[in-house]
Protein backbone atom coordinates (compact mmCIF):
# COMPACT_ATOMS: atom_id res chain seq x y z
CA UNK A 1 -0.07 -0.04 -0.01
CA UNK A 2 1.65 3.06 -0.95
CA UNK A 3 0.44 5.74 1.35
CA UNK A 4 -0.40 9.41 1.25
CA UNK A 5 2.97 11.34 0.88
CA UNK A 6 1.61 14.97 0.62
CA UNK A 7 -1.20 17.26 -0.35
CA UNK A 8 -1.45 17.18 -4.06
CA UNK A 9 1.17 14.76 -4.56
CA UNK A 10 0.41 11.75 -6.89
CA UNK A 11 0.89 8.91 -4.51
CA UNK A 12 1.77 6.62 -7.44
CA UNK A 13 4.71 8.61 -8.38
CA UNK A 14 8.19 7.13 -7.69
CA UNK A 15 9.91 9.35 -5.15
CA UNK A 16 13.32 10.73 -6.14
CA UNK A 17 16.58 11.75 -4.68
CA UNK A 18 15.18 15.53 -4.86
CA UNK A 19 12.19 14.56 -3.12
CA UNK A 20 14.18 12.80 -0.12
CA UNK A 21 16.23 16.25 0.14
CA UNK A 22 13.13 18.60 -0.02
CA UNK A 23 9.60 18.95 1.39
CA UNK A 24 8.66 15.55 0.66
CA UNK A 25 11.39 13.85 2.45
CA UNK A 26 11.03 16.38 5.55
CA UNK A 27 7.11 15.48 5.45
CA UNK A 28 7.81 11.52 5.51
CA UNK A 29 10.80 11.99 8.07
CA UNK A 30 8.37 13.75 10.28
CA UNK A 31 5.42 11.70 9.88
CA UNK A 32 7.34 8.62 10.56
CA UNK A 33 8.95 10.35 13.83
CA UNK A 34 5.53 10.85 15.04
CA UNK A 35 4.17 7.45 14.27
CA UNK A 36 7.16 5.96 16.14
CA UNK A 37 6.47 8.02 19.38
CA UNK A 38 3.01 6.58 19.50
CA UNK A 39 3.51 3.18 18.34
CA UNK A 40 6.46 2.48 20.91
CA UNK A 41 4.54 3.68 24.01
CA UNK A 42 3.68 0.10 24.90
CA UNK A 43 7.32 -0.72 25.20
CA UNK A 44 7.53 0.08 28.96
CA UNK A 45 3.82 0.28 29.70
CA UNK A 46 4.27 -2.53 32.22
CA UNK A 47 7.51 -1.23 33.88
CA UNK A 48 5.87 2.29 34.32
CA UNK A 49 2.93 0.52 36.21
CA UNK A 50 5.07 -1.76 38.13
CA UNK A 51 4.52 -0.62 41.58
CA UNK A 52 0.47 -1.07 41.35
CA UNK A 53 1.13 -4.75 39.46
CA UNK A 54 3.60 -5.42 42.47
CA UNK A 55 0.78 -4.36 45.00
CA UNK A 56 -2.25 -6.04 43.32
CA UNK A 57 -0.57 -9.38 42.18
CA UNK A 58 2.05 -9.67 45.05
CA UNK A 59 4.97 -9.58 42.73
CA UNK A 60 8.41 -9.60 44.27
CA UNK A 61 11.34 -7.57 42.61
CA UNK A 62 12.31 -10.45 40.37
CA UNK A 63 8.87 -10.52 39.01
CA UNK A 64 9.10 -6.89 38.01
CA UNK A 65 12.53 -7.63 36.50
CA UNK A 66 10.94 -10.42 34.19
CA UNK A 67 7.98 -8.27 33.24
CA UNK A 68 10.49 -5.83 31.43
CA UNK A 69 13.09 -8.67 30.57
CA UNK A 70 10.07 -10.42 28.71
CA UNK A 71 9.66 -7.86 26.20
CA UNK A 72 13.39 -7.73 25.66
CA UNK A 73 13.43 -11.52 25.09
CA UNK A 74 10.44 -11.25 22.60
CA UNK A 75 12.15 -8.68 20.89
CA UNK A 76 15.20 -10.74 20.26
CA UNK A 77 13.21 -13.49 19.22
CA UNK A 78 11.37 -11.21 16.66
CA UNK A 79 14.48 -9.78 15.49
CA UNK A 80 16.17 -12.74 14.76
CA UNK A 81 13.22 -14.24 13.02
CA UNK A 82 12.83 -11.41 10.81
CA UNK A 83 16.66 -11.22 9.95
CA UNK A 84 16.67 -15.07 8.91
CA UNK A 85 13.95 -14.44 6.66
CA UNK A 86 15.21 -10.96 5.54
CA UNK A 87 11.83 -9.56 6.07
CA UNK A 88 12.91 -5.93 6.78
CA UNK A 89 14.34 -6.16 3.09
CA UNK A 90 11.68 -8.26 1.42
CA UNK A 91 8.56 -6.91 2.74
CA UNK A 92 6.90 -3.30 2.08
CA UNK A 93 8.27 -1.28 4.83
CA UNK A 94 5.15 0.73 5.82
CA UNK A 95 2.93 -2.56 5.81
CA UNK A 96 5.44 -4.42 8.10
CA UNK A 97 5.54 -1.45 10.48
CA UNK A 98 1.87 -1.11 10.58
CA UNK A 99 1.11 -4.95 10.95
CA UNK A 100 3.81 -5.04 13.66
CA UNK A 101 2.18 -2.02 15.61
CA UNK A 102 -1.06 -3.70 15.58
CA UNK A 103 0.34 -6.81 17.04
CA UNK A 104 2.07 -5.11 19.59
CA UNK A 105 -1.12 -2.92 20.42
CA UNK A 106 -3.44 -6.21 20.68
CA UNK A 107 -1.02 -7.77 23.11
CA UNK A 108 -1.05 -4.60 25.32
CA UNK A 109 -4.84 -4.55 25.31
CA UNK A 110 -5.10 -8.27 26.17
CA UNK A 111 -2.76 -7.27 28.97
CA UNK A 112 -4.86 -4.58 30.06
CA UNK A 113 -7.98 -6.40 29.99
CA UNK A 114 -7.18 -10.10 30.84
CA UNK A 115 -3.99 -10.36 32.45
CA UNK A 116 -4.60 -11.49 36.19
CA UNK A 117 -1.28 -12.50 37.19
CA UNK A 118 2.43 -13.10 36.57
CA UNK A 119 2.26 -16.04 34.13
CA UNK A 120 -0.15 -14.46 31.85
CA UNK A 121 1.38 -11.20 32.06
CA UNK A 122 4.93 -12.31 31.11
CA UNK A 123 3.54 -14.23 28.00
CA UNK A 124 1.79 -11.33 26.87
CA UNK A 125 4.84 -8.98 27.19
CA UNK A 126 7.03 -11.34 25.29
CA UNK A 127 4.76 -11.35 22.59
CA UNK A 128 4.62 -7.71 22.49
CA UNK A 129 8.35 -7.55 22.33
CA UNK A 130 8.04 -10.06 19.17
CA UNK A 131 5.90 -7.44 17.30
CA UNK A 132 8.12 -4.52 18.42
CA UNK A 133 10.94 -5.95 16.82
CA UNK A 134 8.78 -5.37 13.53
CA UNK A 135 8.51 -1.75 14.39
CA UNK A 136 11.97 -0.38 15.59
CA UNK A 137 14.64 -1.87 13.13
CA UNK A 138 12.17 -1.65 10.09
CA UNK A 139 11.43 2.00 10.87
CA UNK A 140 15.12 2.46 10.98
CA UNK A 141 15.45 1.24 7.52
CA UNK A 142 12.52 3.15 6.26
CA UNK A 143 14.02 6.27 7.80
CA UNK A 144 17.36 5.45 5.82
CA UNK A 145 15.42 5.20 2.47
CA UNK A 146 14.30 8.93 3.17
CA UNK A 147 17.80 10.18 4.12
CA UNK A 148 21.05 11.12 2.12
CA UNK A 149 24.35 9.95 3.39
CA UNK A 150 25.06 13.67 4.58
CA UNK A 151 22.07 13.88 6.98
CA UNK A 152 21.58 10.19 8.00
CA UNK A 153 23.46 10.91 11.31
CA UNK A 154 20.63 13.54 12.18
CA UNK A 155 17.79 11.69 10.69
CA UNK A 156 18.80 8.69 12.85
CA UNK A 157 19.17 10.95 15.93
CA UNK A 158 15.56 12.19 15.54
CA UNK A 159 14.42 8.45 15.29
CA UNK A 160 15.97 7.76 18.18
CA UNK A 161 14.71 10.85 20.03
CA UNK A 162 11.09 9.59 19.34
CA UNK A 163 12.12 6.04 20.23
CA UNK A 164 13.13 7.46 23.66
CA UNK A 165 9.92 9.73 24.04
CA UNK A 166 7.83 6.91 23.09
CA UNK A 167 9.47 4.21 25.24
CA UNK A 168 9.26 6.54 28.31
CA UNK A 169 5.70 7.93 27.67
CA UNK A 170 4.14 5.36 29.84
CA UNK A 171 5.82 6.94 32.76
CA UNK A 172 4.18 10.16 32.03
CA UNK A 173 0.67 8.45 31.75
CA UNK A 174 1.44 6.74 34.95
CA UNK A 175 1.51 10.12 36.82
CA UNK A 176 -2.35 10.77 35.74
CA UNK A 177 -3.90 7.39 35.52
CA UNK A 178 -5.28 7.44 39.24
CA UNK A 179 -6.15 4.08 40.85
CA UNK A 180 -6.09 1.74 37.84
CA UNK A 181 -2.85 0.59 36.00
CA UNK A 182 -5.17 -1.02 33.42
CA UNK A 183 -5.80 2.56 31.92
CA UNK A 184 -2.25 3.27 31.08
CA UNK A 185 -1.86 -0.15 29.36
CA UNK A 186 -4.95 0.67 27.37
CA UNK A 187 -4.02 4.04 26.52
CA UNK A 188 -0.66 2.85 25.33
CA UNK A 189 -2.26 0.13 23.33
CA UNK A 190 -4.64 2.80 21.57
CA UNK A 191 -1.70 5.07 20.93
CA UNK A 192 0.10 2.20 19.08
CA UNK A 193 -3.11 1.35 17.04
CA UNK A 194 -3.08 5.16 16.08
CA UNK A 195 0.73 4.98 15.00
CA UNK A 196 -0.25 1.97 12.74
CA UNK A 197 -3.04 3.75 10.95
CA UNK A 198 -0.68 6.87 10.54
CA UNK A 199 2.05 4.48 9.02
CA UNK A 200 -0.09 2.53 6.64
CA UNK A 201 -1.93 5.74 5.35
CA UNK A 202 0.93 8.42 5.02
CA UNK A 203 4.29 6.53 4.71
CA UNK A 204 6.16 4.86 1.70
CA UNK A 205 9.42 3.84 1.02
CA UNK A 206 12.04 6.37 0.00
CA UNK A 207 14.17 6.80 -2.93
CA UNK A 208 17.36 5.35 -1.02
CA UNK A 209 15.84 1.95 -0.82
CA UNK A 210 18.08 -0.96 -2.55
CA UNK A 211 16.20 -3.36 -4.48
CA UNK A 212 14.79 -6.46 -2.79
CA UNK A 213 17.12 -9.15 -2.42
CA UNK A 214 16.61 -12.81 -2.51
CA UNK A 215 16.22 -14.82 0.50
CA UNK A 216 19.44 -15.22 1.89
CA UNK A 217 20.03 -16.36 5.57
CA UNK A 218 23.90 -15.98 5.15
CA UNK A 219 23.40 -12.40 5.25
CA UNK A 220 22.53 -12.42 8.84
CA UNK A 221 26.18 -12.33 9.51
CA UNK A 222 26.95 -9.51 7.25
CA UNK A 223 27.41 -7.16 9.92
CA UNK A 224 30.67 -9.16 11.37
CA UNK A 225 32.45 -9.67 8.04
CA UNK A 226 34.65 -6.62 8.01
CA UNK A 227 36.05 -3.97 10.22
CA UNK A 228 33.71 -1.08 10.12
CA UNK A 229 30.44 -2.79 10.75
CA UNK A 230 32.05 -5.09 13.35
CA UNK A 231 33.10 -1.92 15.44
CA UNK A 232 29.56 -0.19 15.01
CA UNK A 233 28.11 -3.62 16.12
CA UNK A 234 30.48 -3.85 19.41
CA UNK A 235 29.91 -0.17 20.05
CA UNK A 236 26.10 -0.74 20.12
CA UNK A 237 26.29 -3.90 22.09
CA UNK A 238 28.17 -1.77 24.96
CA UNK A 239 25.78 0.87 24.59
CA UNK A 240 22.87 -1.51 24.94
CA UNK A 241 24.38 -3.19 28.14
CA UNK A 242 23.93 0.24 29.90
CA UNK A 243 20.88 1.99 28.26
CA UNK A 244 17.74 -0.36 29.07
CA UNK A 245 19.02 -1.06 32.48
CA UNK A 246 19.22 2.51 33.22
CA UNK A 247 15.85 3.19 31.76
CA UNK A 248 14.53 0.27 33.63
CA UNK A 249 15.91 1.01 37.13
CA UNK A 250 16.10 4.75 37.10
CA UNK A 251 13.03 5.06 39.23
CA UNK A 252 14.57 3.22 41.86
CA UNK A 253 17.59 5.39 41.98
CA UNK A 254 15.38 8.41 42.44
CA UNK A 255 13.32 6.51 45.24
CA UNK A 256 16.52 6.25 47.37
CA UNK A 257 17.43 9.98 46.76
CA UNK A 258 15.61 12.21 49.61
CA UNK A 259 16.76 15.30 47.86
CA UNK A 260 14.69 14.13 44.82
CA UNK A 261 11.97 12.49 46.35
CA UNK A 262 11.62 15.94 48.20
CA UNK A 263 11.00 17.81 44.89
CA UNK A 264 7.22 19.07 44.45
CA UNK A 265 7.08 16.74 41.14
CA UNK A 266 5.63 13.24 40.59
CA UNK A 267 8.58 10.53 40.42
CA UNK A 268 6.92 9.49 37.25
CA UNK A 269 7.30 12.85 35.49
CA UNK A 270 10.61 13.19 36.69
CA UNK A 271 11.76 9.88 35.03
CA UNK A 272 10.03 11.33 31.93
CA UNK A 273 11.92 14.42 32.00
CA UNK A 274 15.30 12.92 32.65
CA UNK A 275 15.01 9.86 30.15
CA UNK A 276 12.38 11.03 27.63
CA UNK A 277 13.09 14.63 27.17
CA UNK A 278 16.71 15.13 27.94
CA UNK A 279 17.16 11.77 26.11
CA UNK A 280 15.36 12.98 22.96
CA UNK A 281 17.55 16.01 23.05
CA UNK A 282 20.61 13.98 23.37
CA UNK A 283 19.79 11.73 20.44
CA UNK A 284 19.29 14.87 18.15
CA UNK A 285 22.41 16.56 19.35
CA UNK A 286 24.42 13.30 18.96
CA UNK A 287 23.06 12.83 15.40
CA UNK A 288 24.22 16.36 14.36
CA UNK A 289 27.61 15.63 16.00
CA UNK A 290 27.76 12.52 14.06
CA UNK A 291 27.17 14.23 10.69
CA UNK A 292 29.63 17.05 11.35
CA UNK A 293 32.53 15.35 13.30
CA UNK A 294 32.19 11.80 12.13
CA UNK A 295 30.32 8.64 13.78
CA UNK A 296 33.51 7.67 15.59
CA UNK A 297 33.97 10.91 17.46
CA UNK A 298 30.36 11.38 18.32
CA UNK A 299 29.82 7.60 19.64
CA UNK A 300 33.07 7.73 21.72
CA UNK A 301 32.25 10.98 23.10
CA UNK A 302 28.67 9.94 24.36
CA UNK A 303 30.04 6.53 25.45
CA UNK A 304 32.62 8.26 27.79
CA UNK A 305 30.32 10.85 29.22
CA UNK A 306 27.58 8.10 29.84
CA UNK A 307 30.43 5.84 31.49
CA UNK A 308 31.43 8.78 33.97
CA UNK A 309 27.73 8.96 34.99
CA UNK A 310 27.50 5.35 35.59
CA UNK A 311 30.74 5.66 38.18
CA UNK A 312 29.01 8.66 39.54
CA UNK A 313 25.74 7.14 40.24
CA UNK A 314 26.70 5.89 43.89
CA UNK A 315 26.97 9.62 44.85
CA UNK A 316 23.42 10.56 43.38
CA UNK A 317 21.53 9.92 46.66
CA UNK A 318 23.73 12.16 48.80
CA UNK A 319 23.94 15.03 46.15
CA UNK A 320 22.19 18.16 46.59
CA UNK A 321 19.04 17.87 44.40
CA UNK A 322 20.31 20.40 41.55
CA UNK A 323 23.59 18.62 41.24
CA UNK A 324 21.88 15.28 41.11
CA UNK A 325 19.27 16.46 38.67
CA UNK A 326 22.11 17.84 36.44
CA UNK A 327 23.90 14.64 36.58
CA UNK A 328 20.92 12.43 35.93
CA UNK A 329 20.02 14.88 32.83
CA UNK A 330 23.43 14.41 31.46
CA UNK A 331 23.36 10.80 31.69
CA UNK A 332 19.90 10.76 30.36
CA UNK A 333 20.99 12.61 27.23
CA UNK A 334 24.55 10.71 26.89
CA UNK A 335 23.24 7.09 27.33
CA UNK A 336 21.08 7.34 24.16
CA UNK A 337 23.05 10.12 22.08
CA UNK A 338 24.92 7.49 20.42
CA UNK A 339 22.51 5.09 19.56
CA UNK A 340 21.41 6.64 16.29
CA UNK A 341 25.04 6.97 15.26
CA UNK A 342 25.50 3.20 15.50
CA UNK A 343 22.60 2.56 13.37
CA UNK A 344 23.68 5.19 10.68
CA UNK A 345 27.17 3.61 10.92
CA UNK A 346 26.17 0.22 10.04
CA UNK A 347 23.52 1.37 7.31
CA UNK A 348 26.26 3.14 5.71
CA UNK A 349 28.96 0.12 5.89
CA UNK A 350 26.99 -3.04 4.91
CA UNK A 351 25.54 -4.26 1.66
CA UNK A 352 22.65 -2.03 0.69
CA UNK A 353 20.57 -4.77 -0.25
CA UNK A 354 20.59 -6.28 3.31
CA UNK A 355 20.68 -3.02 5.57
CA UNK A 356 17.17 -4.09 7.18
CA UNK A 357 18.63 -7.38 8.05
CA UNK A 358 21.72 -5.84 9.23
CA UNK A 359 19.91 -3.41 11.58
CA UNK A 360 17.47 -6.08 12.92
CA UNK A 361 20.63 -8.42 13.55
CA UNK A 362 22.17 -5.68 15.53
CA UNK A 363 19.24 -4.77 17.62
CA UNK A 364 18.53 -8.16 18.31
CA UNK A 365 21.93 -9.02 19.85
CA UNK A 366 21.88 -5.58 21.54
CA UNK A 367 18.82 -6.37 23.11
CA UNK A 368 19.67 -9.48 24.25
CA UNK A 369 22.41 -7.96 26.51
CA UNK A 370 19.68 -5.86 28.08
CA UNK A 371 18.02 -8.84 29.35
CA UNK A 372 21.42 -9.92 31.25
CA UNK A 373 22.00 -6.12 32.36
CA UNK A 374 18.64 -5.33 33.67
CA UNK A 375 18.77 -8.58 35.66
CA UNK A 376 22.21 -8.18 37.01
CA UNK A 377 21.51 -4.65 38.40
CA UNK A 378 18.60 -5.81 40.19
CA UNK A 379 20.59 -8.70 41.47
CA UNK A 380 23.49 -6.60 42.82
CA UNK A 381 20.84 -4.29 44.46
CA UNK A 382 19.48 -7.18 46.23
CA UNK A 383 23.11 -8.18 47.42
CA UNK A 384 24.20 -4.37 48.17
CA UNK A 385 22.07 -1.52 47.45
CA UNK A 386 20.72 0.56 44.68
CA UNK A 387 23.52 2.91 45.32
CA UNK A 388 26.20 0.70 43.83
CA UNK A 389 24.19 -1.27 41.26
CA UNK A 390 24.60 0.80 38.44
CA UNK A 391 28.50 0.98 38.67
CA UNK A 392 28.23 -2.29 36.81
CA UNK A 393 26.85 -0.68 33.75
CA UNK A 394 30.09 1.31 33.25
CA UNK A 395 31.52 -2.08 31.59
CA UNK A 396 29.26 -1.42 28.51
CA UNK A 397 30.52 2.25 27.67
CA UNK A 398 34.13 1.20 28.22
CA UNK A 399 33.91 -1.75 25.56
CA UNK A 400 31.77 0.05 23.40
CA UNK A 401 34.34 3.14 23.53
CA UNK A 402 37.26 0.87 22.57
CA UNK A 403 35.41 -0.83 19.68
CA UNK A 404 34.28 2.37 18.13
CA UNK A 405 37.94 3.90 18.40
CA UNK A 406 38.49 1.45 15.58
CA UNK A 407 35.77 2.20 13.37
CA UNK A 408 36.52 3.47 9.85
CA UNK A 409 34.40 6.11 8.58
CA UNK A 410 33.00 5.52 5.05
CA UNK A 411 34.95 8.55 3.76
CA UNK A 412 38.25 7.27 5.01
CA UNK A 413 37.29 4.02 3.32
CA UNK A 414 37.18 5.90 -0.05
CA UNK A 415 40.56 7.65 0.73
CA UNK A 416 42.44 4.53 1.67
CA UNK A 417 40.96 2.49 -1.41
């Protein structure tokens, strides 16, 4: 289904490079961004209402861990399945995104109205993750088809900014939902359905798309066969080790900070501002720096800053409120600022016919690491305290910075060829 591009535009007219760099391209990128924000609102919907679920179902800390980890595991399964069959490179992109968003929305609606305990909830969250794997990596490829290499960093930065806002939106919804967590879940599901409707009616694939390749499962490993994509992947894995554990457990760090809990602001709103708003700003800045100074410089800089914040985390509960807020805002921005950089770097250094497959593999493995780090942070907190739990996340930025320091920019490849 081709979609409606712009008022007065013939929807059957093939897009050109001039379209991508003009008003039509800006329209498509903007609409995709808006659709992504609301489609991904289901991601942390259960995590945002975790305290309510714990109270109603008698869940322990590990029960809450698995409600988050189940989505990540489902995402890994969905992304790997899509990679093996090259779905992001062989299926119409807006159609695949819309169908996946509908599936994630229906699973979330089922959670809202039918979940009655831990077992059913975990299954529904895992299924939600499977469908989200058709939204996020596929959306990145769709963004790439509307982005010339000169602006791909900022385009992917905007894409990740929307991922950040959309994923943390349930924390904002949770501050207004009153006594029922089911309202938050249902609201997130309705937003995802709206995102699917926008995608299928307004979006189409851009001019920078490669022809659909034949089915070839060997291209699952294309991102590890040469130095540049391998460095981008390893950097991304280190980044992911830190990212989702911070997103999942930041409320716990806020809760043990007397100065932060004393502020006249709901904790859910504070988390949304720190992760969602500052993260969105960081993503956009990171993308612009990547286009101006290179993928390597942008990624390594963000990883160093977020790694320092990991090491400072034990001091947050005893810092004055203003200082603690500054640290958290910087952390929230830096931890996601490089995400779009890794995606852009990979998309520019692999076979253009299998960009979607490569991005799906990258995210699948990266989200696999999040399952481990999310649980490890909780385990360290149980053994010690939340004050020291986040320090172990610094391992990821360290490994990622070392890997990306070896990344070869596309323009450097041309210079040395």
